[in-house]
Full PDB file with SEQRES, HELIX, SHEET, SSBOND, CRYST1, ORIGX, SCALE, CONECT and MASTER records, all heavy atoms in Angstrom:
SEQRES   1 A   43  SER LYS VAL HIS LEU ASP GLN TYR GLN PRO VAL ALA GLU          
SEQRES   2 A   43  ALA LYS GLY LEU HIS GLN ARG GLY GLY ILE THR LEU GLN          
SEQRES   3 A   43  GLU LEU ARG THR GLU VAL GLY PRO ARG VAL VAL ASP GLU          
SEQRES   4 A   43  LEU VAL ARG THR                                              
HELIX    1 AA1 LYS A    2  VAL A    3  1                                   2    
HELIX    2 AA2 HIS A    4  TYR A    8  3                                   5    
HELIX    3 AA3 GLN A    9  LYS A   15  1                                   7    
HELIX    4 AA4 LEU A   17  GLN A   19  5                                   3    
HELIX    5 AA5 LEU A   25  VAL A   32  1                                   8    
HELIX    6 AA6 PRO A   34  ARG A   42  1                                   9    
CRYST1    1.000    1.000    1.000  90.00  90.00  90.00 P 1           1          
ORIGX1      1.000000  0.000000  0.000000        0.00000                         
ORIGX2      0.000000  1.000000  0.000000        0.00000                         
ORIGX3      0.000000  0.000000  1.000000        0.00000                         
SCALE1      1.000000  0.000000  0.000000        0.00000                         
SCALE2      0.000000  1.000000  0.000000        0.00000                         
SCALE3      0.000000  0.000000  1.000000        0.00000                         
ATOM      1  N   SER A   1       4.171  -1.726  12.117  1.00  0.00           N  
ATOM      2  CA  SER A   1       3.410  -2.962  11.939  1.00  0.00           C  
ATOM      3  C   SER A   1       1.905  -2.691  12.005  1.00  0.00           C  
ATOM      4  O   SER A   1       1.116  -3.278  11.248  1.00  0.00           O  
ATOM      5  CB  SER A   1       3.807  -3.990  13.001  1.00  0.00           C  
ATOM      6  OG  SER A   1       5.151  -4.404  12.823  1.00  0.00           O  
ATOM      7  N   LYS A   2       1.509  -1.792  12.884  1.00  0.00           N  
ATOM      8  CA  LYS A   2       0.087  -1.473  13.030  1.00  0.00           C  
ATOM      9  C   LYS A   2      -0.436  -0.773  11.777  1.00  0.00           C  
ATOM     10  O   LYS A   2      -1.545  -1.074  11.305  1.00  0.00           O  
ATOM     11  CB  LYS A   2      -0.120  -0.584  14.266  1.00  0.00           C  
ATOM     12  CG  LYS A   2      -1.579  -0.282  14.566  1.00  0.00           C  
ATOM     13  CD  LYS A   2      -1.728   0.441  15.884  1.00  0.00           C  
ATOM     14  CE  LYS A   2      -3.187   0.792  16.163  1.00  0.00           C  
ATOM     15  NZ  LYS A   2      -4.052  -0.426  16.222  1.00  0.00           N  
ATOM     16  N   VAL A   3       0.338   0.167  11.241  1.00  0.00           N  
ATOM     17  CA  VAL A   3      -0.073   0.840  10.009  1.00  0.00           C  
ATOM     18  C   VAL A   3      -0.183  -0.168   8.874  1.00  0.00           C  
ATOM     19  O   VAL A   3      -1.140  -0.140   8.082  1.00  0.00           O  
ATOM     20  CB  VAL A   3       0.931   1.959   9.642  1.00  0.00           C  
ATOM     21  CG1 VAL A   3       0.654   2.520   8.253  1.00  0.00           C  
ATOM     22  CG2 VAL A   3       0.875   3.078  10.683  1.00  0.00           C  
ATOM     23  N   HIS A   4       0.786  -1.065   8.786  1.00  0.00           N  
ATOM     24  CA  HIS A   4       0.787  -2.071   7.723  1.00  0.00           C  
ATOM     25  C   HIS A   4      -0.439  -2.980   7.820  1.00  0.00           C  
ATOM     26  O   HIS A   4      -1.136  -3.226   6.834  1.00  0.00           O  
ATOM     27  CB  HIS A   4       2.071  -2.907   7.809  1.00  0.00           C  
ATOM     28  CG  HIS A   4       2.282  -3.801   6.620  1.00  0.00           C  
ATOM     29  ND1 HIS A   4       3.335  -3.632   5.752  1.00  0.00           N  
ATOM     30  CD2 HIS A   4       1.579  -4.872   6.151  1.00  0.00           C  
ATOM     31  CE1 HIS A   4       3.268  -4.554   4.796  1.00  0.00           C  
ATOM     32  NE2 HIS A   4       2.206  -5.324   5.028  1.00  0.00           N  
ATOM     33  N   LEU A   5      -0.711  -3.477   9.040  1.00  0.00           N  
ATOM     34  CA  LEU A   5      -1.805  -4.428   9.233  1.00  0.00           C  
ATOM     35  C   LEU A   5      -3.187  -3.776   9.148  1.00  0.00           C  
ATOM     36  O   LEU A   5      -4.125  -4.352   8.584  1.00  0.00           O  
ATOM     37  CB  LEU A   5      -1.645  -5.126  10.583  1.00  0.00           C  
ATOM     38  CG  LEU A   5      -0.489  -6.125  10.698  1.00  0.00           C  
ATOM     39  CD1 LEU A   5      -0.316  -6.570  12.142  1.00  0.00           C  
ATOM     40  CD2 LEU A   5      -0.725  -7.331   9.795  1.00  0.00           C  
ATOM     41  N   ASP A   6      -3.305  -2.577   9.710  1.00  0.00           N  
ATOM     42  CA  ASP A   6      -4.626  -1.962   9.823  1.00  0.00           C  
ATOM     43  C   ASP A   6      -5.006  -1.082   8.630  1.00  0.00           C  
ATOM     44  O   ASP A   6      -6.193  -0.946   8.314  1.00  0.00           O  
ATOM     45  CB  ASP A   6      -4.701  -1.111  11.104  1.00  0.00           C  
ATOM     46  CG  ASP A   6      -4.590  -1.949  12.361  1.00  0.00           C  
ATOM     47  OD1 ASP A   6      -4.698  -3.182  12.266  1.00  0.00           O  
ATOM     48  OD2 ASP A   6      -4.381  -1.364  13.449  1.00  0.00           O  
ATOM     49  N   GLN A   7      -4.004  -0.478   7.980  1.00  0.00           N  
ATOM     50  CA  GLN A   7      -4.317   0.490   6.937  1.00  0.00           C  
ATOM     51  C   GLN A   7      -3.863   0.072   5.537  1.00  0.00           C  
ATOM     52  O   GLN A   7      -4.571   0.324   4.554  1.00  0.00           O  
ATOM     53  CB  GLN A   7      -3.689   1.852   7.288  1.00  0.00           C  
ATOM     54  CG  GLN A   7      -4.180   2.411   8.614  1.00  0.00           C  
ATOM     55  CD  GLN A   7      -3.554   3.744   8.951  1.00  0.00           C  
ATOM     56  OE1 GLN A   7      -3.515   4.642   8.097  1.00  0.00           O  
ATOM     57  NE2 GLN A   7      -3.080   3.907  10.172  1.00  0.00           N  
ATOM     58  N   TYR A   8      -2.698  -0.551   5.448  1.00  0.00           N  
ATOM     59  CA  TYR A   8      -2.177  -0.898   4.122  1.00  0.00           C  
ATOM     60  C   TYR A   8      -2.677  -2.266   3.650  1.00  0.00           C  
ATOM     61  O   TYR A   8      -3.229  -2.391   2.542  1.00  0.00           O  
ATOM     62  CB  TYR A   8      -0.650  -0.887   4.136  1.00  0.00           C  
ATOM     63  CG  TYR A   8      -0.046  -1.373   2.844  1.00  0.00           C  
ATOM     64  CD1 TYR A   8       0.053  -0.538   1.739  1.00  0.00           C  
ATOM     65  CD2 TYR A   8       0.412  -2.686   2.706  1.00  0.00           C  
ATOM     66  CE1 TYR A   8       0.590  -0.981   0.532  1.00  0.00           C  
ATOM     67  CE2 TYR A   8       0.949  -3.144   1.520  1.00  0.00           C  
ATOM     68  CZ  TYR A   8       1.041  -2.287   0.430  1.00  0.00           C  
ATOM     69  OH  TYR A   8       1.567  -2.736  -0.754  1.00  0.00           O  
ATOM     70  N   GLN A   9      -2.492  -3.271   4.457  1.00  0.00           N  
ATOM     71  CA  GLN A   9      -2.748  -4.640   4.020  1.00  0.00           C  
ATOM     72  C   GLN A   9      -4.205  -4.898   3.613  1.00  0.00           C  
ATOM     73  O   GLN A   9      -4.450  -5.544   2.580  1.00  0.00           O  
ATOM     74  CB  GLN A   9      -2.319  -5.621   5.110  1.00  0.00           C  
ATOM     75  CG  GLN A   9      -2.253  -7.074   4.646  1.00  0.00           C  
ATOM     76  CD  GLN A   9      -1.465  -7.936   5.606  1.00  0.00           C  
ATOM     77  OE1 GLN A   9      -0.298  -7.679   5.874  1.00  0.00           O  
ATOM     78  NE2 GLN A   9      -2.122  -8.960   6.137  1.00  0.00           N  
ATOM     79  N   PRO A  10      -5.201  -4.400   4.363  1.00  0.00           N  
ATOM     80  CA  PRO A  10      -6.587  -4.654   3.940  1.00  0.00           C  
ATOM     81  C   PRO A  10      -6.898  -4.116   2.544  1.00  0.00           C  
ATOM     82  O   PRO A  10      -7.575  -4.782   1.745  1.00  0.00           O  
ATOM     83  CB  PRO A  10      -7.412  -3.937   5.017  1.00  0.00           C  
ATOM     84  CG  PRO A  10      -6.526  -3.921   6.221  1.00  0.00           C  
ATOM     85  CD  PRO A  10      -5.149  -3.725   5.673  1.00  0.00           C  
ATOM     86  N   VAL A  11      -6.392  -2.918   2.240  1.00  0.00           N  
ATOM     87  CA  VAL A  11      -6.642  -2.326   0.910  1.00  0.00           C  
ATOM     88  C   VAL A  11      -5.877  -3.092  -0.160  1.00  0.00           C  
ATOM     89  O   VAL A  11      -6.409  -3.397  -1.244  1.00  0.00           O  
ATOM     90  CB  VAL A  11      -6.248  -0.840   0.903  1.00  0.00           C  
ATOM     91  CG1 VAL A  11      -6.435  -0.235  -0.489  1.00  0.00           C  
ATOM     92  CG2 VAL A  11      -7.056  -0.065   1.930  1.00  0.00           C  
ATOM     93  N   ALA A  12      -4.600  -3.406   0.123  1.00  0.00           N  
ATOM     94  CA  ALA A  12      -3.775  -4.109  -0.862  1.00  0.00           C  
ATOM     95  C   ALA A  12      -4.355  -5.476  -1.196  1.00  0.00           C  
ATOM     96  O   ALA A  12      -4.368  -5.902  -2.363  1.00  0.00           O  
ATOM     97  CB  ALA A  12      -2.346  -4.254  -0.331  1.00  0.00           C  
ATOM     98  N   GLU A  13      -4.861  -6.173  -0.180  1.00  0.00           N  
ATOM     99  CA  GLU A  13      -5.441  -7.501  -0.412  1.00  0.00           C  
ATOM    100  C   GLU A  13      -6.774  -7.393  -1.147  1.00  0.00           C  
ATOM    101  O   GLU A  13      -7.068  -8.188  -2.048  1.00  0.00           O  
ATOM    102  CB  GLU A  13      -5.617  -8.234   0.920  1.00  0.00           C  
ATOM    103  CG  GLU A  13      -4.307  -8.672   1.555  1.00  0.00           C  
ATOM    104  CD  GLU A  13      -4.516  -9.378   2.881  1.00  0.00           C  
ATOM    105  OE1 GLU A  13      -5.669  -9.376   3.373  1.00  0.00           O  
ATOM    106  OE2 GLU A  13      -3.544  -9.922   3.430  1.00  0.00           O  
ATOM    107  N   ALA A  14      -7.576  -6.422  -0.753  1.00  0.00           N  
ATOM    108  CA  ALA A  14      -8.898  -6.268  -1.392  1.00  0.00           C  
ATOM    109  C   ALA A  14      -8.763  -5.941  -2.879  1.00  0.00           C  
ATOM    110  O   ALA A  14      -9.560  -6.408  -3.706  1.00  0.00           O  
ATOM    111  CB  ALA A  14      -9.694  -5.173  -0.684  1.00  0.00           C  
ATOM    112  N   LYS A  15      -7.739  -5.175  -3.249  1.00  0.00           N  
ATOM    113  CA  LYS A  15      -7.548  -4.780  -4.636  1.00  0.00           C  
ATOM    114  C   LYS A  15      -6.576  -5.697  -5.379  1.00  0.00           C  
ATOM    115  O   LYS A  15      -6.341  -5.489  -6.584  1.00  0.00           O  
ATOM    116  CB  LYS A  15      -7.040  -3.334  -4.704  1.00  0.00           C  
ATOM    117  CG  LYS A  15      -8.040  -2.307  -4.199  1.00  0.00           C  
ATOM    118  CD  LYS A  15      -7.522  -0.883  -4.382  1.00  0.00           C  
ATOM    119  CE  LYS A  15      -8.559   0.131  -3.966  1.00  0.00           C  
ATOM    120  NZ  LYS A  15      -8.107   1.532  -4.196  1.00  0.00           N  
ATOM    121  N   GLY A  16      -6.016  -6.680  -4.661  1.00  0.00           N  
ATOM    122  CA  GLY A  16      -5.061  -7.588  -5.293  1.00  0.00           C  
ATOM    123  C   GLY A  16      -3.841  -6.878  -5.839  1.00  0.00           C  
ATOM    124  O   GLY A  16      -3.303  -7.257  -6.886  1.00  0.00           O  
ATOM    125  N   LEU A  17      -3.372  -5.877  -5.139  1.00  0.00           N  
ATOM    126  CA  LEU A  17      -2.293  -5.043  -5.659  1.00  0.00           C  
ATOM    127  C   LEU A  17      -0.986  -5.809  -5.834  1.00  0.00           C  
ATOM    128  O   LEU A  17      -0.241  -5.565  -6.792  1.00  0.00           O  
ATOM    129  CB  LEU A  17      -2.069  -3.845  -4.724  1.00  0.00           C  
ATOM    130  CG  LEU A  17      -3.264  -2.896  -4.564  1.00  0.00           C  
ATOM    131  CD1 LEU A  17      -2.921  -1.743  -3.632  1.00  0.00           C  
ATOM    132  CD2 LEU A  17      -3.698  -2.355  -5.928  1.00  0.00           C  
ATOM    133  N   HIS A  18      -0.679  -6.717  -4.909  1.00  0.00           N  
ATOM    134  CA  HIS A  18       0.598  -7.425  -4.991  1.00  0.00           C  
ATOM    135  C   HIS A  18       0.559  -8.570  -5.987  1.00  0.00           C  
ATOM    136  O   HIS A  18       1.561  -9.227  -6.221  1.00  0.00           O  
ATOM    137  CB  HIS A  18       1.005  -7.924  -3.597  1.00  0.00           C  
ATOM    138  CG  HIS A  18       1.488  -6.827  -2.706  1.00  0.00           C  
ATOM    139  ND1 HIS A  18       2.824  -6.542  -2.537  1.00  0.00           N  
ATOM    140  CD2 HIS A  18       0.805  -5.917  -1.958  1.00  0.00           C  
ATOM    141  CE1 HIS A  18       2.953  -5.526  -1.698  1.00  0.00           C  
ATOM    142  NE2 HIS A  18       1.731  -5.123  -1.343  1.00  0.00           N  
ATOM    143  N   GLN A  19      -0.614  -8.822  -6.558  1.00  0.00           N  
ATOM    144  CA  GLN A  19      -0.693  -9.820  -7.616  1.00  0.00           C  
ATOM    145  C   GLN A  19      -0.478  -9.194  -9.004  1.00  0.00           C  
ATOM    146  O   GLN A  19      -0.314  -9.901  -9.996  1.00  0.00           O  
ATOM    147  CB  GLN A  19      -2.064 -10.533  -7.594  1.00  0.00           C  
ATOM    148  CG  GLN A  19      -2.170 -11.638  -6.540  1.00  0.00           C  
ATOM    149  CD  GLN A  19      -2.150 -11.082  -5.129  1.00  0.00           C  
ATOM    150  OE1 GLN A  19      -2.905 -10.174  -4.824  1.00  0.00           O  
ATOM    151  NE2 GLN A  19      -1.301 -11.633  -4.283  1.00  0.00           N  
ATOM    152  N   ARG A  20      -0.500  -7.908  -9.062  1.00  0.00           N  
ATOM    153  CA  ARG A  20      -0.234  -7.220 -10.316  1.00  0.00           C  
ATOM    154  C   ARG A  20       1.269  -7.252 -10.604  1.00  0.00           C  
ATOM    155  O   ARG A  20       2.087  -7.091  -9.719  1.00  0.00           O  
ATOM    156  CB  ARG A  20      -0.705  -5.772 -10.270  1.00  0.00           C  
ATOM    157  CG  ARG A  20      -2.192  -5.611 -10.008  1.00  0.00           C  
ATOM    158  CD  ARG A  20      -2.542  -4.128  -9.992  1.00  0.00           C  
ATOM    159  NE  ARG A  20      -3.918  -3.903  -9.564  1.00  0.00           N  
ATOM    160  CZ  ARG A  20      -4.469  -2.686  -9.423  1.00  0.00           C  
ATOM    161  NH1 ARG A  20      -3.748  -1.606  -9.697  1.00  0.00           N  
ATOM    162  NH2 ARG A  20      -5.720  -2.552  -9.021  1.00  0.00           N  
ATOM    163  N   GLY A  21       1.616  -7.421 -11.819  1.00  0.00           N  
ATOM    164  CA  GLY A  21       3.031  -7.451 -12.169  1.00  0.00           C  
ATOM    165  C   GLY A  21       3.616  -6.063 -12.296  1.00  0.00           C  
ATOM    166  O   GLY A  21       3.051  -5.195 -12.963  1.00  0.00           O  
ATOM    167  N   GLY A  22       4.753  -5.848 -11.633  1.00  0.00           N  
ATOM    168  CA  GLY A  22       5.511  -4.614 -11.810  1.00  0.00           C  
ATOM    169  C   GLY A  22       4.834  -3.366 -11.304  1.00  0.00           C  
ATOM    170  O   GLY A  22       5.030  -2.280 -11.855  1.00  0.00           O  
ATOM    171  N   ILE A  23       4.046  -3.461 -10.264  1.00  0.00           N  
ATOM    172  CA  ILE A  23       3.411  -2.269  -9.699  1.00  0.00           C  
ATOM    173  C   ILE A  23       4.464  -1.410  -9.008  1.00  0.00           C  
ATOM    174  O   ILE A  23       5.406  -1.911  -8.389  1.00  0.00           O  
ATOM    175  CB  ILE A  23       2.279  -2.659  -8.728  1.00  0.00           C  
ATOM    176  CG1 ILE A  23       1.446  -1.417  -8.362  1.00  0.00           C  
ATOM    177  CG2 ILE A  23       2.835  -3.318  -7.472  1.00  0.00           C  
ATOM    178  CD1 ILE A  23       0.158  -1.750  -7.622  1.00  0.00           C  
ATOM    179  N   THR A  24       4.318  -0.110  -9.154  1.00  0.00           N  
ATOM    180  CA  THR A  24       5.305   0.812  -8.586  1.00  0.00           C  
ATOM    181  C   THR A  24       4.765   1.440  -7.304  1.00  0.00           C  
ATOM    182  O   THR A  24       3.572   1.377  -7.010  1.00  0.00           O  
ATOM    183  CB  THR A  24       5.643   1.937  -9.579  1.00  0.00           C  
ATOM    184  OG1 THR A  24       4.470   2.732  -9.798  1.00  0.00           O  
ATOM    185  CG2 THR A  24       6.127   1.357 -10.904  1.00  0.00           C  
ATOM    186  N   LEU A  25       5.665   2.072  -6.575  1.00  0.00           N  
ATOM    187  CA  LEU A  25       5.251   2.772  -5.353  1.00  0.00           C  
ATOM    188  C   LEU A  25       4.281   3.898  -5.670  1.00  0.00           C  
ATOM    189  O   LEU A  25       3.369   4.170  -4.901  1.00  0.00           O  
ATOM    190  CB  LEU A  25       6.474   3.322  -4.619  1.00  0.00           C  
ATOM    191  CG  LEU A  25       7.255   2.344  -3.738  1.00  0.00           C  
ATOM    192  CD1 LEU A  25       8.439   3.053  -3.095  1.00  0.00           C  
ATOM    193  CD2 LEU A  25       6.360   1.749  -2.655  1.00  0.00           C  
ATOM    194  N   GLN A  26       4.503   4.565  -6.809  1.00  0.00           N  
ATOM    195  CA  GLN A  26       3.593   5.645  -7.188  1.00  0.00           C  
ATOM    196  C   GLN A  26       2.178   5.114  -7.384  1.00  0.00           C  
ATOM    197  O   GLN A  26       1.194   5.728  -6.960  1.00  0.00           O  
ATOM    198  CB  GLN A  26       4.083   6.337  -8.455  1.00  0.00           C  
ATOM    199  CG  GLN A  26       3.216   7.494  -8.915  1.00  0.00           C  
ATOM    200  CD  GLN A  26       3.066   8.579  -7.849  1.00  0.00           C  
ATOM    201  OE1 GLN A  26       4.028   8.960  -7.190  1.00  0.00           O  
ATOM    202  NE2 GLN A  26       1.833   9.060  -7.660  1.00  0.00           N  
ATOM    203  N   GLU A  27       2.085   3.943  -7.997  1.00  0.00           N  
ATOM    204  CA  GLU A  27       0.767   3.339  -8.202  1.00  0.00           C  
ATOM    205  C   GLU A  27       0.163   2.900  -6.866  1.00  0.00           C  
ATOM    206  O   GLU A  27      -1.048   3.021  -6.651  1.00  0.00           O  
ATOM    207  CB  GLU A  27       0.892   2.140  -9.146  1.00  0.00           C  
ATOM    208  CG  GLU A  27       1.222   2.541 -10.582  1.00  0.00           C  
ATOM    209  CD  GLU A  27       1.570   1.348 -11.454  1.00  0.00           C  
ATOM    210  OE1 GLU A  27       2.121   0.354 -10.936  1.00  0.00           O  
ATOM    211  OE2 GLU A  27       1.288   1.400 -12.665  1.00  0.00           O  
ATOM    212  N   LEU A  28       1.016   2.409  -5.958  1.00  0.00           N  
ATOM    213  CA  LEU A  28       0.523   2.032  -4.631  1.00  0.00           C  
ATOM    214  C   LEU A  28       0.036   3.260  -3.876  1.00  0.00           C  
ATOM    215  O   LEU A  28      -0.959   3.201  -3.143  1.00  0.00           O  
ATOM    216  CB  LEU A  28       1.631   1.326  -3.831  1.00  0.00           C  
ATOM    217  CG  LEU A  28       1.967  -0.102  -4.261  1.00  0.00           C  
ATOM    218  CD1 LEU A  28       3.158  -0.634  -3.460  1.00  0.00           C  
ATOM    219  CD2 LEU A  28       0.758  -1.021  -4.054  1.00  0.00           C  
ATOM    220  N   ARG A  29       0.728   4.382  -4.048  1.00  0.00           N  
ATOM    221  CA  ARG A  29       0.303   5.613  -3.388  1.00  0.00           C  
ATOM    222  C   ARG A  29      -1.072   6.032  -3.891  1.00  0.00           C  
ATOM    223  O   ARG A  29      -1.889   6.558  -3.141  1.00  0.00           O  
ATOM    224  CB  ARG A  29       1.317   6.731  -3.617  1.00  0.00           C  
ATOM    225  CG  ARG A  29       2.656   6.480  -2.951  1.00  0.00           C  
ATOM    226  CD  ARG A  29       3.666   7.583  -3.262  1.00  0.00           C  
ATOM    227  NE  ARG A  29       3.391   8.781  -2.476  1.00  0.00           N  
ATOM    228  CZ  ARG A  29       2.961   9.923  -2.980  1.00  0.00           C  
ATOM    229  NH1 ARG A  29       2.718  10.022  -4.279  1.00  0.00           N  
ATOM    230  NH2 ARG A  29       2.754  10.965  -2.191  1.00  0.00           N  
ATOM    231  N   THR A  30      -1.311   5.811  -5.172  1.00  0.00           N  
ATOM    232  CA  THR A  30      -2.608   6.164  -5.753  1.00  0.00           C  
ATOM    233  C   THR A  30      -3.711   5.239  -5.257  1.00  0.00           C  
ATOM    234  O   THR A  30      -4.819   5.677  -4.921  1.00  0.00           O  
ATOM    235  CB  THR A  30      -2.538   6.112  -7.293  1.00  0.00           C  
ATOM    236  OG1 THR A  30      -1.527   7.022  -7.751  1.00  0.00           O  
ATOM    237  CG2 THR A  30      -3.877   6.471  -7.913  1.00  0.00           C  
ATOM    238  N   GLU A  31      -3.412   3.945  -5.216  1.00  0.00           N  
ATOM    239  CA  GLU A  31      -4.407   2.946  -4.853  1.00  0.00           C  
ATOM    240  C   GLU A  31      -4.702   2.929  -3.347  1.00  0.00           C  
ATOM    241  O   GLU A  31      -5.861   2.812  -2.925  1.00  0.00           O  
ATOM    242  CB  GLU A  31      -3.935   1.557  -5.290  1.00  0.00           C  
ATOM    243  CG  GLU A  31      -3.793   1.364  -6.782  1.00  0.00           C  
ATOM    244  CD  GLU A  31      -5.140   1.202  -7.460  1.00  0.00           C  
ATOM    245  OE1 GLU A  31      -6.167   1.101  -6.757  1.00  0.00           O  
ATOM    246  OE2 GLU A  31      -5.182   1.179  -8.706  1.00  0.00           O  
ATOM    247  N   VAL A  32      -3.656   3.012  -2.533  1.00  0.00           N  
ATOM    248  CA  VAL A  32      -3.820   2.886  -1.069  1.00  0.00           C  
ATOM    249  C   VAL A  32      -3.942   4.251  -0.407  1.00  0.00           C  
ATOM    250  O   VAL A  32      -4.646   4.411   0.599  1.00  0.00           O  
ATOM    251  CB  VAL A  32      -2.637   2.094  -0.456  1.00  0.00           C  
ATOM    252  CG1 VAL A  32      -2.799   1.962   1.049  1.00  0.00           C  
ATOM    253  CG2 VAL A  32      -2.533   0.714  -1.092  1.00  0.00           C  
ATOM    254  N   GLY A  33      -3.256   5.213  -0.960  1.00  0.00           N  
ATOM    255  CA  GLY A  33      -3.234   6.549  -0.355  1.00  0.00           C  
ATOM    256  C   GLY A  33      -1.803   6.949  -0.049  1.00  0.00           C  
ATOM    257  O   GLY A  33      -1.033   6.151   0.507  1.00  0.00           O  
ATOM    258  N   PRO A  34      -1.424   8.166  -0.431  1.00  0.00           N  
ATOM    259  CA  PRO A  34      -0.036   8.587  -0.240  1.00  0.00           C  
ATOM    260  C   PRO A  34       0.386   8.635   1.228  1.00  0.00           C  
ATOM    261  O   PRO A  34       1.540   8.348   1.552  1.00  0.00           O  
ATOM    262  CB  PRO A  34       0.008   9.981  -0.882  1.00  0.00           C  
ATOM    263  CG  PRO A  34      -1.418  10.442  -0.891  1.00  0.00           C  
ATOM    264  CD  PRO A  34      -2.250   9.208  -1.066  1.00  0.00           C  
ATOM    265  N   ARG A  35      -0.538   9.005   2.096  1.00  0.00           N  
ATOM    266  CA  ARG A  35      -0.160   9.110   3.514  1.00  0.00           C  
ATOM    267  C   ARG A  35       0.287   7.765   4.077  1.00  0.00           C  
ATOM    268  O   ARG A  35       1.316   7.677   4.760  1.00  0.00           O  
ATOM    269  CB  ARG A  35      -1.332   9.646   4.338  1.00  0.00           C  
ATOM    270  CG  ARG A  35      -0.990   9.817   5.826  1.00  0.00           C  
ATOM    271  CD  ARG A  35      -2.229  10.190   6.621  1.00  0.00           C  
ATOM    272  NE  ARG A  35      -3.242   9.146   6.548  1.00  0.00           N  
ATOM    273  CZ  ARG A  35      -3.210   8.031   7.306  1.00  0.00           C  
ATOM    274  NH1 ARG A  35      -2.206   7.814   8.142  1.00  0.00           N  
ATOM    275  NH2 ARG A  35      -4.167   7.132   7.190  1.00  0.00           N  
ATOM    276  N   VAL A  36      -0.458   6.709   3.763  1.00  0.00           N  
ATOM    277  CA  VAL A  36      -0.141   5.383   4.307  1.00  0.00           C  
ATOM    278  C   VAL A  36       1.171   4.867   3.733  1.00  0.00           C  
ATOM    279  O   VAL A  36       2.052   4.411   4.464  1.00  0.00           O  
ATOM    280  CB  VAL A  36      -1.283   4.389   4.005  1.00  0.00           C  
ATOM    281  CG1 VAL A  36      -0.881   2.961   4.417  1.00  0.00           C  
ATOM    282  CG2 VAL A  36      -2.551   4.810   4.726  1.00  0.00           C  
ATOM    283  N   VAL A  37       1.310   4.946   2.415  1.00  0.00           N  
ATOM    284  CA  VAL A  37       2.519   4.411   1.775  1.00  0.00           C  
ATOM    285  C   VAL A  37       3.752   5.210   2.195  1.00  0.00           C  
ATOM    286  O   VAL A  37       4.808   4.637   2.507  1.00  0.00           O  
ATOM    287  CB  VAL A  37       2.365   4.408   0.239  1.00  0.00           C  
ATOM    288  CG1 VAL A  37       3.684   4.000  -0.436  1.00  0.00           C  
ATOM    289  CG2 VAL A  37       1.252   3.452  -0.173  1.00  0.00           C  
ATOM    290  N   ASP A  38       3.639   6.533   2.216  1.00  0.00           N  
ATOM    291  CA  ASP A  38       4.789   7.356   2.613  1.00  0.00           C  
ATOM    292  C   ASP A  38       5.181   7.100   4.070  1.00  0.00           C  
ATOM    293  O   ASP A  38       6.365   7.100   4.407  1.00  0.00           O  
ATOM    294  CB  ASP A  38       4.470   8.838   2.406  1.00  0.00           C  
ATOM    295  CG  ASP A  38       4.358   9.212   0.926  1.00  0.00           C  
ATOM    296  OD1 ASP A  38       4.775   8.383   0.081  1.00  0.00           O  
ATOM    297  OD2 ASP A  38       3.841  10.305   0.624  1.00  0.00           O  
ATOM    298  N   GLU A  39       4.189   6.884   4.927  1.00  0.00           N  
ATOM    299  CA  GLU A  39       4.482   6.573   6.324  1.00  0.00           C  
ATOM    300  C   GLU A  39       5.232   5.249   6.435  1.00  0.00           C  
ATOM    301  O   GLU A  39       6.194   5.119   7.191  1.00  0.00           O  
ATOM    302  CB  GLU A  39       3.182   6.516   7.121  1.00  0.00           C  
ATOM    303  CG  GLU A  39       3.327   6.004   8.557  1.00  0.00           C  
ATOM    304  CD  GLU A  39       4.066   6.978   9.460  1.00  0.00           C  
ATOM    305  OE1 GLU A  39       4.267   8.142   9.052  1.00  0.00           O  
ATOM    306  OE2 GLU A  39       4.437   6.565  10.570  1.00  0.00           O  
ATOM    307  N   LEU A  40       4.804   4.257   5.657  1.00  0.00           N  
ATOM    308  CA  LEU A  40       5.494   2.963   5.676  1.00  0.00           C  
ATOM    309  C   LEU A  40       6.930   3.094   5.189  1.00  0.00           C  
ATOM    310  O   LEU A  40       7.855   2.530   5.779  1.00  0.00           O  
ATOM    311  CB  LEU A  40       4.736   1.948   4.809  1.00  0.00           C  
ATOM    312  CG  LEU A  40       3.394   1.448   5.351  1.00  0.00           C  
ATOM    313  CD1 LEU A  40       2.720   0.542   4.328  1.00  0.00           C  
ATOM    314  CD2 LEU A  40       3.575   0.716   6.673  1.00  0.00           C  
ATOM    315  N   VAL A  41       7.125   3.824   4.102  1.00  0.00           N  
ATOM    316  CA  VAL A  41       8.469   3.988   3.536  1.00  0.00           C  
ATOM    317  C   VAL A  41       9.374   4.724   4.520  1.00  0.00           C  
ATOM    318  O   VAL A  41      10.507   4.307   4.802  1.00  0.00           O  
ATOM    319  CB  VAL A  41       8.407   4.740   2.196  1.00  0.00           C  
ATOM    320  CG1 VAL A  41       9.824   5.118   1.735  1.00  0.00           C  
ATOM    321  CG2 VAL A  41       7.724   3.890   1.142  1.00  0.00           C  
ATOM    322  N   ARG A  42       8.877   5.815   5.077  1.00  0.00           N  
ATOM    323  CA  ARG A  42       9.679   6.629   5.991  1.00  0.00           C  
ATOM    324  C   ARG A  42      10.046   5.842   7.253  1.00  0.00           C  
ATOM    325  O   ARG A  42      11.197   5.847   7.697  1.00  0.00           O  
ATOM    326  CB  ARG A  42       8.903   7.895   6.348  1.00  0.00           C  
ATOM    327  CG  ARG A  42       9.676   8.838   7.272  1.00  0.00           C  
ATOM    328  CD  ARG A  42       8.954  10.169   7.429  1.00  0.00           C  
ATOM    329  NE  ARG A  42       7.601   9.995   7.941  1.00  0.00           N  
ATOM    330  CZ  ARG A  42       6.498  10.152   7.200  1.00  0.00           C  
ATOM    331  NH1 ARG A  42       6.588  10.464   5.920  1.00  0.00           N  
ATOM    332  NH2 ARG A  42       5.293   9.992   7.733  1.00  0.00           N  
ATOM    333  N   THR A  43       9.063   5.160   7.822  1.00  0.00           N  
ATOM    334  CA  THR A  43       9.316   4.413   9.051  1.00  0.00           C  
ATOM    335  C   THR A  43      10.239   3.226   8.806  1.00  0.00           C  
ATOM    336  O   THR A  43      11.100   2.904   9.633  1.00  0.00           O  
ATOM    337  CB  THR A  43       7.992   3.912   9.664  1.00  0.00           C  
ATOM    338  OG1 THR A  43       7.072   4.993   9.757  1.00  0.00           O  
ATOM    339  CG2 THR A  43       8.224   3.329  11.044  1.00  0.00           C  
TER     340      THR A  43                                                      
MASTER        0    0    0    6    0    0    0    6  339    1    0    4          
END                                                                             
């Protein structure tokens, strides 16, 4: 939850990532950073 709130959500909201249609995890890894997205997926 801390990673999501502190590292993922601010970037996703600032870039409007979840408003884009059909965005993939690979694109999220590029936009937010692979470390953050992979940590969220793994956890």
